[in-house]
Protein backbone atom coordinates (compact mmCIF):
# COMPACT_ATOMS: atom_id res chain seq x y z
CA MET A 1 0.62 -2.46 -4.30
CA PHE A 2 1.96 -0.14 -1.59
CA GLY A 3 1.30 -1.68 1.56
CA LYS A 4 -2.23 0.05 2.45
CA SER A 5 -4.90 -2.20 3.77
CA VAL A 6 -7.78 -2.14 1.21
CA VAL A 7 -11.47 -3.20 1.43
CA LEU A 8 -13.76 -3.05 -1.83
CA LEU A 9 -17.47 -2.61 -1.21
CA GLU A 10 -19.69 -3.42 -4.14
CA ARG A 11 -23.30 -3.48 -3.87
CA HIS A 12 -24.03 -5.76 -6.93
CA SER A 13 -23.01 -9.40 -7.30
CA VAL A 14 -20.38 -8.90 -10.10
CA VAL A 15 -17.78 -6.34 -10.55
CA GLY A 16 -17.78 -3.60 -13.42
CA GLY A 17 -20.50 -1.21 -12.34
CA LEU A 18 -21.50 0.35 -15.61
CA ASN A 19 -19.03 -1.63 -17.58
CA SER A 20 -19.97 -4.94 -16.27
CA PHE A 21 -21.32 -8.06 -18.00
CA TYR A 22 -24.16 -11.15 -17.83
CA SER A 23 -25.12 -14.16 -19.57
CA GLN A 24 -28.27 -15.19 -21.14
CA LYS A 25 -29.22 -18.48 -22.56
CA GLY A 26 -25.47 -19.30 -22.40
CA ILE A 27 -24.69 -15.91 -24.66
CA LYS A 28 -22.29 -13.72 -22.91
CA PHE A 29 -23.12 -9.89 -23.10
CA ASP A 30 -21.10 -6.53 -22.20
CA VAL A 31 -23.23 -3.96 -20.49
CA GLY A 32 -21.49 -0.81 -21.20
CA LEU A 33 -18.47 -1.52 -23.53
CA HIS A 34 -19.05 -0.38 -27.04
CA ALA A 35 -15.51 0.26 -27.75
CA LEU A 36 -12.27 0.83 -25.74
CA THR A 37 -10.86 4.15 -26.64
CA ASN A 38 -7.08 5.43 -26.87
CA TYR A 39 -5.84 2.73 -28.99
CA PRO A 40 -2.24 2.18 -28.83
CA SER A 41 -0.71 2.82 -31.92
CA GLU A 42 3.12 3.34 -33.45
CA LYS A 43 2.07 7.32 -33.28
CA SER A 44 0.99 7.34 -29.65
CA GLY A 45 4.03 5.16 -28.51
CA LYS A 46 4.66 5.19 -24.82
CA SER A 47 2.29 8.29 -24.35
CA SER A 48 -0.80 6.34 -25.09
CA PRO A 49 -3.09 6.59 -21.86
CA LEU A 50 -4.05 2.91 -22.27
CA LEU A 51 -0.33 1.90 -22.12
CA LYS A 52 0.05 4.22 -19.00
CA LEU A 53 -3.07 2.39 -17.31
CA CYS A 54 -1.67 -1.20 -18.04
CA ARG A 55 1.65 -0.11 -16.76
CA GLN A 56 0.27 1.37 -13.61
CA LEU A 57 -2.05 -1.78 -12.82
CA ARG A 58 0.96 -4.08 -14.27
CA ILE A 59 -1.19 -5.67 -16.63
CA PRO A 60 0.38 -6.63 -19.73
CA ILE A 61 -1.35 -4.83 -22.65
CA ASP A 62 -0.92 -7.95 -24.91
CA SER A 63 -3.17 -9.85 -22.59
CA LEU A 64 -5.96 -7.47 -23.59
CA LYS A 65 -5.87 -9.21 -27.26
CA LEU A 66 -7.12 -5.71 -28.58
CA HIS A 67 -8.68 -5.72 -32.11
CA PRO A 68 -8.88 -2.28 -33.87
CA GLN A 69 -11.88 -1.05 -35.54
CA SER A 70 -12.32 -1.39 -39.15
CA HIS A 71 -13.85 1.96 -39.52
CA SER A 72 -16.82 4.07 -38.03
CA ARG A 73 -19.33 6.70 -39.30
CA ILE A 74 -21.08 9.69 -38.45
CA THR A 75 -24.24 10.18 -40.32
CA PHE A 76 -26.40 13.34 -40.09
CA GLY A 77 -29.20 13.21 -42.69
CA THR A 78 -27.62 12.51 -45.83
CA GLU A 79 -24.12 13.54 -44.95
CA SER A 80 -21.57 11.17 -43.41
CA LEU A 81 -18.03 11.45 -41.86
CA LEU A 82 -15.78 8.15 -41.67
CA PHE A 83 -13.07 7.76 -39.24
CA ASP A 84 -10.82 4.70 -38.15
CA ASN A 85 -7.59 4.65 -36.23
CA ASP A 86 -5.70 6.71 -38.64
CA PHE A 87 -5.93 10.36 -37.72
CA ASP A 88 -4.78 11.54 -41.16
CA PHE A 89 -7.66 9.52 -42.71
CA PHE A 90 -10.37 11.60 -40.72
CA LEU A 91 -8.54 14.89 -41.51
CA SER A 92 -8.81 13.91 -45.17
CA GLN A 93 -12.57 13.10 -44.59
CA VAL A 94 -13.11 16.48 -43.14
CA GLU A 95 -11.37 18.22 -45.81
CA GLU A 96 -13.35 16.35 -48.48
CA LYS A 97 -16.78 16.77 -46.91
CA PHE A 98 -15.93 20.36 -45.69
CA PRO A 99 -13.36 21.96 -47.84
CA ALA A 100 -14.05 25.60 -46.95
CA GLU A 101 -13.35 24.52 -43.03
CA LYS A 102 -9.85 23.01 -43.67
CA ASP A 103 -7.98 26.05 -42.15
CA ARG A 104 -10.54 26.88 -39.28
CA PHE A 105 -10.54 23.13 -38.47
CA LEU A 106 -6.82 22.80 -38.08
CA SER A 107 -7.06 26.07 -36.04
CA LEU A 108 -9.45 24.39 -33.71
CA LEU A 109 -7.06 21.37 -33.28
CA SER A 110 -4.47 23.85 -32.24
CA GLN A 111 -6.70 25.24 -29.69
CA MET A 112 -7.70 21.94 -28.44
CA GLU A 113 -3.78 21.12 -28.19
CA GLU A 114 -3.28 24.37 -26.13
CA PHE A 115 -6.10 23.61 -23.73
CA PRO A 116 -5.19 22.31 -20.30
CA ALA A 117 -7.92 19.59 -20.52
CA TYR A 118 -6.37 17.14 -18.14
CA SER A 119 -5.81 19.75 -15.43
CA VAL A 120 -7.84 19.61 -12.35
CA ASP A 121 -8.21 23.37 -12.80
CA ALA A 122 -9.67 23.08 -16.44
CA LYS A 123 -12.61 25.31 -16.86
CA GLU A 124 -15.82 23.72 -17.77
CA LEU A 125 -16.75 25.76 -21.01
CA SER A 126 -19.61 24.92 -23.34
CA THR A 127 -18.19 23.02 -26.31
CA ARG A 128 -20.96 23.98 -28.53
CA GLU A 129 -20.40 27.76 -28.09
CA ILE A 130 -16.63 27.17 -28.77
CA LEU A 131 -17.38 25.32 -32.14
CA ARG A 132 -19.86 28.14 -33.21
CA GLU A 133 -17.03 30.53 -32.85
CA ALA A 134 -14.36 28.22 -34.47
CA ILE A 135 -16.21 26.75 -37.45
CA ARG A 136 -18.51 28.53 -39.94
CA GLU A 137 -20.20 25.46 -41.18
CA PRO A 138 -22.79 24.47 -38.30
CA LEU A 139 -23.06 20.75 -39.56
CA LEU A 140 -19.36 20.00 -39.12
CA GLY A 141 -19.46 21.18 -35.47
CA GLU A 142 -22.77 19.20 -34.93
CA MET A 143 -21.24 16.11 -36.27
CA LEU A 144 -18.02 16.60 -33.89
CA LEU A 145 -20.38 16.79 -30.98
CA CYS A 146 -22.25 13.44 -31.55
CA PRO A 147 -19.60 10.85 -30.86
CA THR A 148 -18.16 12.74 -27.61
CA CYS A 149 -21.42 13.45 -26.12
CA TYR A 150 -22.57 9.87 -26.55
CA TYR A 151 -19.31 8.39 -25.04
CA GLY A 152 -19.24 10.95 -22.01
CA SER A 153 -21.68 13.88 -21.78
CA ALA A 154 -23.75 14.48 -18.86
CA ARG A 155 -24.93 17.77 -20.28
CA PRO A 156 -28.12 18.26 -22.37
CA ASN A 157 -27.30 18.98 -26.13
CA ASP A 158 -23.60 19.97 -25.11
CA ILE A 159 -20.30 18.70 -23.53
CA ASP A 160 -18.17 20.64 -21.16
CA PHE A 161 -14.76 21.46 -23.36
CA PRO A 162 -12.26 19.66 -21.26
CA THR A 163 -14.47 16.52 -21.75
CA PHE A 164 -14.76 17.29 -25.38
CA VAL A 165 -10.77 17.48 -26.00
CA MET A 166 -10.23 14.17 -23.75
CA LEU A 167 -12.79 12.30 -25.91
CA PHE A 168 -11.66 13.67 -29.16
CA ASP A 169 -8.19 12.65 -28.65
CA ALA A 170 -9.34 9.35 -27.59
CA ILE A 171 -11.90 8.61 -30.26
CA PHE A 172 -10.27 10.41 -33.37
CA ARG A 173 -6.63 11.00 -32.76
CA GLN A 174 -6.17 7.39 -31.04
CA GLY A 175 -8.87 5.29 -32.29
CA LEU A 176 -11.28 2.54 -31.00
CA SER A 177 -10.47 -1.04 -30.36
CA ARG A 178 -12.10 -3.87 -28.52
CA PRO A 179 -10.60 -6.61 -26.44
CA GLU A 180 -11.12 -9.93 -27.88
CA ARG A 181 -12.97 -11.39 -24.71
CA GLY A 182 -14.94 -7.98 -24.13
CA ILE A 183 -14.97 -6.18 -20.94
CA ARG A 184 -13.87 -9.56 -19.00
CA ALA A 185 -10.31 -8.92 -20.50
CA ILE A 186 -10.11 -6.05 -18.38
CA LEU A 187 -12.01 -7.06 -15.19
CA ASP A 188 -10.53 -10.55 -15.05
CA PRO A 189 -6.94 -9.52 -14.34
CA ILE A 190 -7.85 -6.79 -11.98
CA THR A 191 -9.87 -8.96 -9.84
CA ARG A 192 -7.04 -11.54 -9.78
CA LYS A 193 -4.59 -8.92 -8.62
CA LEU A 194 -6.89 -7.84 -5.78
CA ARG A 195 -6.79 -11.39 -4.81
CA GLU A 196 -3.05 -11.70 -4.86
CA LEU A 197 -2.51 -8.26 -3.02
CA GLY A 198 -5.03 -9.43 -0.39
CA VAL A 199 -7.71 -7.02 -0.98
CA LYS A 200 -10.99 -7.99 0.90
CA ARG A 201 -13.82 -7.69 -1.51
CA LYS A 202 -17.31 -7.79 -0.20
CA MET A 203 -19.83 -8.40 -2.84
CA LYS A 204 -23.75 -7.87 -2.52
CA CYS A 205 -22.57 -5.39 0.25
CA GLN A 206 -24.41 -2.10 0.22
CA VAL A 207 -23.13 1.05 2.04
CA GLU A 208 -26.04 2.51 3.80
CA ALA A 209 -24.13 5.58 5.21
CA ILE A 210 -20.88 7.37 5.67
CA VAL A 211 -20.70 8.51 9.08
CA ASN A 212 -18.91 11.97 9.62
CA ASN A 213 -18.14 14.42 12.23
CA GLY A 214 -18.28 17.45 9.89
CA SER A 215 -14.60 17.30 8.65
CA LYS A 216 -13.77 13.68 8.43
CA ALA A 217 -15.43 10.24 7.35
CA SER A 218 -15.37 8.26 10.74
CA GLU A 219 -16.93 4.82 9.54
CA LEU A 220 -19.01 3.27 6.86
CA LYS A 221 -22.36 1.56 8.10
CA LEU A 222 -22.97 -1.31 5.84
CA GLY A 223 -26.56 -2.87 4.87
CA ASN A 224 -25.68 -5.73 6.95
CA GLY A 225 -25.39 -3.85 10.05
CA GLU A 226 -21.53 -4.10 10.05
CA ARG A 227 -19.48 -0.87 10.64
CA LEU A 228 -16.00 -0.08 9.02
CA SER A 229 -13.69 2.53 9.90
CA ALA A 230 -10.86 3.76 7.46
CA ASP A 231 -8.29 6.31 7.05
CA PHE A 232 -9.46 7.12 3.46
CA VAL A 233 -12.81 6.45 1.80
CA ILE A 234 -12.73 6.64 -2.14
CA SER A 235 -16.49 6.63 -3.56
CA THR A 236 -16.96 5.77 -7.12
CA CYS A 237 -20.86 5.50 -6.91
CA GLY A 238 -21.24 9.39 -8.03
CA ALA A 239 -21.29 12.62 -6.20
CA VAL A 240 -24.99 12.76 -5.90
CA GLU A 241 -25.03 9.31 -4.33
CA THR A 242 -22.20 9.76 -2.04
CA GLN A 243 -24.00 13.00 -0.81
CA SER A 244 -27.03 11.12 0.03
CA LEU A 245 -25.08 8.43 2.05
CA LEU A 246 -23.56 11.20 4.50
CA LYS A 247 -24.74 11.14 8.04
CA PRO A 248 -25.12 13.75 9.38
CA THR A 249 -26.01 15.25 5.95
CA GLY A 250 -24.79 18.53 4.77
CA SER A 251 -22.52 20.07 2.09
CA PRO A 252 -21.56 23.58 1.21
CA GLU A 253 -22.46 22.80 -2.45
CA PRO A 254 -24.92 20.05 -2.98
CA PRO A 255 -24.04 18.24 -6.23
CA THR A 256 -26.10 18.73 -9.42
CA GLU A 257 -28.09 15.70 -10.60
CA GLY A 258 -27.57 14.31 -13.94
CA ARG A 259 -30.54 13.55 -16.15
CA PHE A 260 -29.13 11.81 -19.12
CA SER A 261 -29.98 8.09 -19.71
CA ILE A 262 -30.27 5.45 -22.39
CA MET A 263 -32.20 2.53 -23.69
CA GLU A 264 -30.10 -0.20 -25.46
CA SER A 265 -31.54 -3.03 -27.20
CA ILE A 266 -29.29 -5.91 -28.23
CA PHE A 267 -30.05 -8.38 -30.97
CA VAL A 268 -28.28 -11.60 -31.58
CA TYR A 269 -28.35 -12.98 -34.81
CA GLU A 270 -27.16 -15.87 -37.17
CA GLY A 271 -24.23 -14.87 -39.33
CA GLN A 272 -21.63 -12.14 -39.74
CA PRO A 273 -22.35 -8.36 -40.20
CA GLY A 274 -20.35 -8.54 -43.58
CA ASP A 275 -23.08 -11.02 -44.90
CA LEU A 276 -25.44 -8.11 -44.65
CA GLY A 277 -23.04 -5.65 -46.13
CA TRP A 278 -22.54 -3.87 -42.84
CA ASP A 279 -18.83 -2.83 -42.43
CA GLU A 280 -18.59 -0.39 -39.48
CA THR A 281 -17.82 -1.01 -36.01
CA THR A 282 -19.88 1.97 -34.60
CA LEU A 283 -22.14 4.44 -36.33
CA PHE A 284 -23.31 7.64 -34.83
CA PHE A 285 -26.37 8.94 -36.38
CA ASN A 286 -28.70 11.98 -36.34
CA ASP A 287 -31.84 12.58 -38.40
CA SER A 288 -31.04 16.18 -39.29
CA GLU A 289 -28.47 18.75 -39.20
CA THR A 290 -29.13 19.82 -35.57
CA PHE A 291 -27.76 17.19 -32.98
CA HIS A 292 -30.34 16.13 -30.45
CA PHE A 293 -28.83 15.13 -27.40
CA ASP A 294 -31.14 15.28 -24.20
CA GLU A 295 -33.42 13.66 -21.97
CA PRO A 296 -36.61 13.17 -23.86
CA LYS A 297 -40.16 14.28 -23.10
CA GLY A 298 -41.47 10.69 -23.81
CA ALA A 299 -40.13 7.22 -23.50
CA LEU A 300 -37.35 7.43 -26.19
CA ASP A 301 -35.97 9.77 -28.49
CA VAL A 302 -35.05 7.95 -31.95
CA ARG A 303 -33.60 10.95 -33.73
CA SER A 304 -30.11 10.21 -32.83
CA GLY A 305 -28.29 7.28 -31.43
CA VAL A 306 -25.40 4.79 -31.65
CA ILE A 307 -25.21 1.42 -33.44
CA CYS A 308 -22.43 -0.94 -32.39
CA LEU A 309 -21.28 -4.09 -34.42
CA PRO A 310 -18.90 -5.57 -32.09
CA GLU A 311 -18.11 -8.48 -34.63
CA ASN A 312 -16.50 -5.95 -36.85
CA TYR A 313 -13.54 -5.54 -34.74
CA GLY A 314 -10.23 -6.93 -36.26
CA PRO A 315 -9.76 -9.43 -39.14
CA ASP A 316 -11.79 -12.35 -39.17
CA VAL A 317 -12.10 -12.74 -35.23
CA HIS A 318 -15.12 -15.06 -35.70
CA ALA A 319 -15.55 -17.99 -37.94
CA GLN A 320 -17.99 -17.52 -40.72
CA GLY A 321 -21.34 -18.78 -39.82
CA ALA A 322 -20.98 -17.55 -36.09
CA ARG A 323 -23.38 -15.44 -34.13
CA SER A 324 -23.08 -11.68 -34.05
CA LYS A 325 -24.60 -9.00 -32.18
CA LEU A 326 -26.20 -5.60 -33.03
CA ARG A 327 -26.48 -3.12 -30.29
CA ILE A 328 -28.52 -0.04 -30.82
CA THR A 329 -28.69 2.93 -28.22
CA HIS A 330 -30.87 5.80 -27.62
CA PRO A 331 -31.65 8.57 -25.01
CA ALA A 332 -34.23 7.50 -22.77
CA ASN A 333 -36.43 9.19 -20.00
CA PHE A 334 -35.99 7.93 -16.51
CA GLY A 335 -39.25 8.95 -15.15
CA HIS A 336 -41.32 7.17 -17.79
CA TRP A 337 -39.85 3.72 -17.41
CA ALA A 338 -39.40 3.86 -13.79
CA GLY A 339 -43.21 4.64 -13.52
CA LEU A 340 -44.50 1.88 -15.47
CA PRO A 341 -46.26 -1.25 -13.73
CA GLN A 342 -44.09 -4.37 -14.72
CA LYS A 343 -46.54 -5.75 -17.03
CA ASP A 344 -46.63 -2.38 -18.91
CA TYR A 345 -42.79 -2.01 -18.75
CA GLU A 346 -42.45 -5.52 -20.41
CA LYS A 347 -44.93 -4.81 -23.21
CA GLU A 348 -43.32 -1.20 -23.97
CA LYS A 349 -39.85 -2.61 -24.06
CA ALA A 350 -40.93 -5.09 -26.77
CA SER A 351 -42.85 -2.45 -28.58
CA TRP A 352 -39.89 -0.07 -28.63
CA GLU A 353 -37.57 -2.81 -29.45
CA GLU A 354 -39.41 -3.13 -32.88
CA ARG A 355 -39.29 0.57 -33.48
CA VAL A 356 -35.66 0.90 -32.60
CA LEU A 357 -34.74 -1.91 -34.98
CA ALA A 358 -36.61 -0.61 -37.89
CA ASN A 359 -35.21 2.87 -37.29
CA GLY A 360 -31.57 1.48 -36.89
CA LEU A 361 -31.56 -0.52 -40.03
CA ARG A 362 -32.36 2.54 -42.08
CA TYR A 363 -28.87 3.71 -41.29
CA LEU A 364 -27.26 0.25 -42.06
CA SER A 365 -29.06 -0.69 -45.27
CA LYS A 366 -30.97 1.18 -48.27
CA GLU A 367 -33.10 -1.92 -48.78
CA GLU A 368 -36.52 -1.85 -46.90
CA SER A 369 -36.75 -5.57 -47.28
CA GLN A 370 -33.73 -6.16 -44.97
CA LEU A 371 -35.81 -5.61 -41.82
CA GLU A 372 -37.77 -8.75 -42.59
CA ASP A 373 -34.77 -10.62 -43.45
CA PHE A 374 -33.04 -9.77 -40.37
CA HIS A 375 -35.99 -10.71 -38.26
CA ALA A 376 -35.53 -14.33 -39.53
CA LYS A 377 -31.92 -14.40 -38.31
CA ILE A 378 -32.40 -13.04 -34.60
CA ILE A 379 -32.08 -15.94 -32.18
CA LEU A 380 -32.18 -13.59 -28.99
CA ARG A 381 -32.97 -10.20 -28.22
CA ASP A 382 -32.55 -8.01 -24.82
CA THR A 383 -33.04 -4.48 -23.83
CA PHE A 384 -32.23 -2.53 -20.57
CA THR A 385 -33.54 0.86 -19.74
CA PRO A 386 -32.73 3.73 -17.34
CA ARG A 387 -34.84 1.57 -14.82
CA THR A 388 -32.22 -1.13 -15.31
CA ILE A 389 -29.34 1.23 -14.77
CA LYS A 390 -30.92 2.54 -11.78
CA LYS A 391 -31.52 -1.19 -10.25
CA TYR A 392 -27.99 -2.38 -10.74
CA THR A 393 -25.94 0.93 -10.02
CA ASP A 394 -28.33 2.97 -7.91
CA HIS A 395 -27.55 6.00 -10.13
CA ARG A 396 -29.96 8.74 -9.36
CA ASN A 397 -32.43 8.94 -12.44
CA GLY A 398 -30.51 6.08 -14.08
CA ALA A 399 -27.80 8.85 -15.12
CA LEU A 400 -25.37 7.46 -17.43
CA TYR A 401 -22.58 9.73 -16.80
CA GLY A 402 -23.50 11.25 -13.54
CA SER A 403 -23.64 15.02 -12.51
CA PRO A 404 -23.17 17.63 -15.41
CA VAL A 405 -20.64 19.35 -12.81
CA LYS A 406 -17.43 17.58 -12.36
CA ARG A 407 -14.82 17.49 -9.61
CA ARG A 408 -11.53 16.88 -11.38
CA ASP A 409 -9.45 16.93 -8.00
CA GLY A 410 -11.78 14.42 -6.50
CA SER A 411 -12.45 16.28 -3.55
CA THR A 412 -15.49 16.60 -1.20
CA HIS A 413 -15.90 18.80 1.95
CA LEU A 414 -14.73 16.03 4.00
CA GLU A 415 -11.05 15.82 4.04
CA ASN A 416 -10.53 11.90 3.76
CA LEU A 417 -13.58 11.33 1.30
CA PHE A 418 -12.83 11.51 -2.59
CA LEU A 419 -14.82 10.93 -5.55
CA ALA A 420 -13.44 8.67 -8.35
CA GLY A 421 -14.88 7.58 -11.78
CA THR A 422 -17.31 9.46 -13.90
CA ASP A 423 -18.02 12.54 -11.43
CA GLN A 424 -14.32 13.15 -11.28
CA GLY A 425 -14.69 14.19 -14.75
CA TYR A 426 -12.42 11.50 -16.50
CA VAL A 427 -14.91 9.49 -18.59
CA GLY A 428 -14.71 6.26 -20.62
CA ILE A 429 -13.17 3.23 -19.10
CA VAL A 430 -9.70 4.31 -19.61
CA GLY A 431 -10.22 7.76 -18.26
CA ALA A 432 -12.17 6.65 -15.46
CA MET A 433 -9.66 4.08 -14.23
CA LEU A 434 -6.58 6.62 -14.69
CA GLY A 435 -8.68 9.00 -12.84
CA GLY A 436 -8.94 6.40 -9.83
CA ILE A 437 -5.32 5.80 -9.99
CA ALA A 438 -4.63 9.60 -9.89
CA ILE A 439 -6.86 9.90 -6.57
CA ALA A 440 -5.10 6.89 -4.91
CA ASN A 441 -1.61 8.37 -5.97
CA ASN A 442 -2.03 12.04 -5.34
CA ARG A 443 -4.65 11.78 -2.16
CA ILE A 444 -3.42 8.90 -0.27
CA LEU A 445 0.11 7.73 -1.19
CA ARG A 446 1.42 11.03 -1.41
CA PRO A 447 -1.23 13.56 -0.41
CA GLY A 448 -0.33 17.48 -0.55
């Protein structure tokens, strides 16, 4: 938009990275998008991060055709908290379920408002420790951790406080929505603008090396043997992955590898969620009062997870009798799935699909007979594992949220190489895109 010559290098055949899409038997699937956070409401007004993003990219917000959530639920054992896009409703839920914590919770909110979460100098404190000090009822703290960790934490059983504050604002204060066309509603207008602005896109084009002289990146060596030189390089493939591309290698502080990955099973079924009495858009669950969020020792950890019902966004988005999707996500072990021979891999995926479905339906329905009834409605199922994430993104360990140590200013030890995306520390679709815009603005268009 500002006269710079830009080349976009993408190792996959489609755009989007961890928030891409694919089709199977004529049915379209979003890979990462459960919900779009930062729903722009009358309360958020022009300060909404999503509105800011659309203004920066010159994409009309109305073109996304956002449908707000009905409501979502956090369930730990027998206790639940509901939330929707009205923050006052969530405050009333906390007061109703944890009346003794009202004043301390309001004090925590004030602490979060005063914390410079969006600053590049924000300290990466432990949220779990802060919640233990701020709230006396441990269960409330554990329940607050669950959605924020699942939507952006690279730390085992914790989340850094700046990210927690950003995600708390994005999920609870502003709320969730979903574009009518899913992630393509965002990717399509961006790719159109790339064409209009003359950006060169090289698809299925893997970067094999970032050649440097110790202080600057001098050229990129591509998988097809081509070499490109550039004044600036912005890498969104991750801090660890970027480091591995440097030739010669060497960094004063090698990045820490992330370990958290997931398995997600998607079930396409006939009918609507409402036909089955399911009215939430998203359900975050944990089977006890202590939140479990770590790389499991075995294949999968079904003690906690996320259930997404995409058809429950907006009023009557789909006609009655249409097909719907049920998406269930759990922490998974990359080493286990990566080490399986192909035949065993497919067999184990199918086995875990059944266990995941049976476990998930326990949180959606009180009737044990519903598992058999739901089976009869399923017309298609698909599952991706940490091995899938590694295959299509090349993220080390299939890490969903990259390194647990973020670089908020996007800097590396090379003066013209910058990080954007998850390892910059601004998570979620909206956060990662705004972070990339900040790198372009502050590091290239007006450096210093």
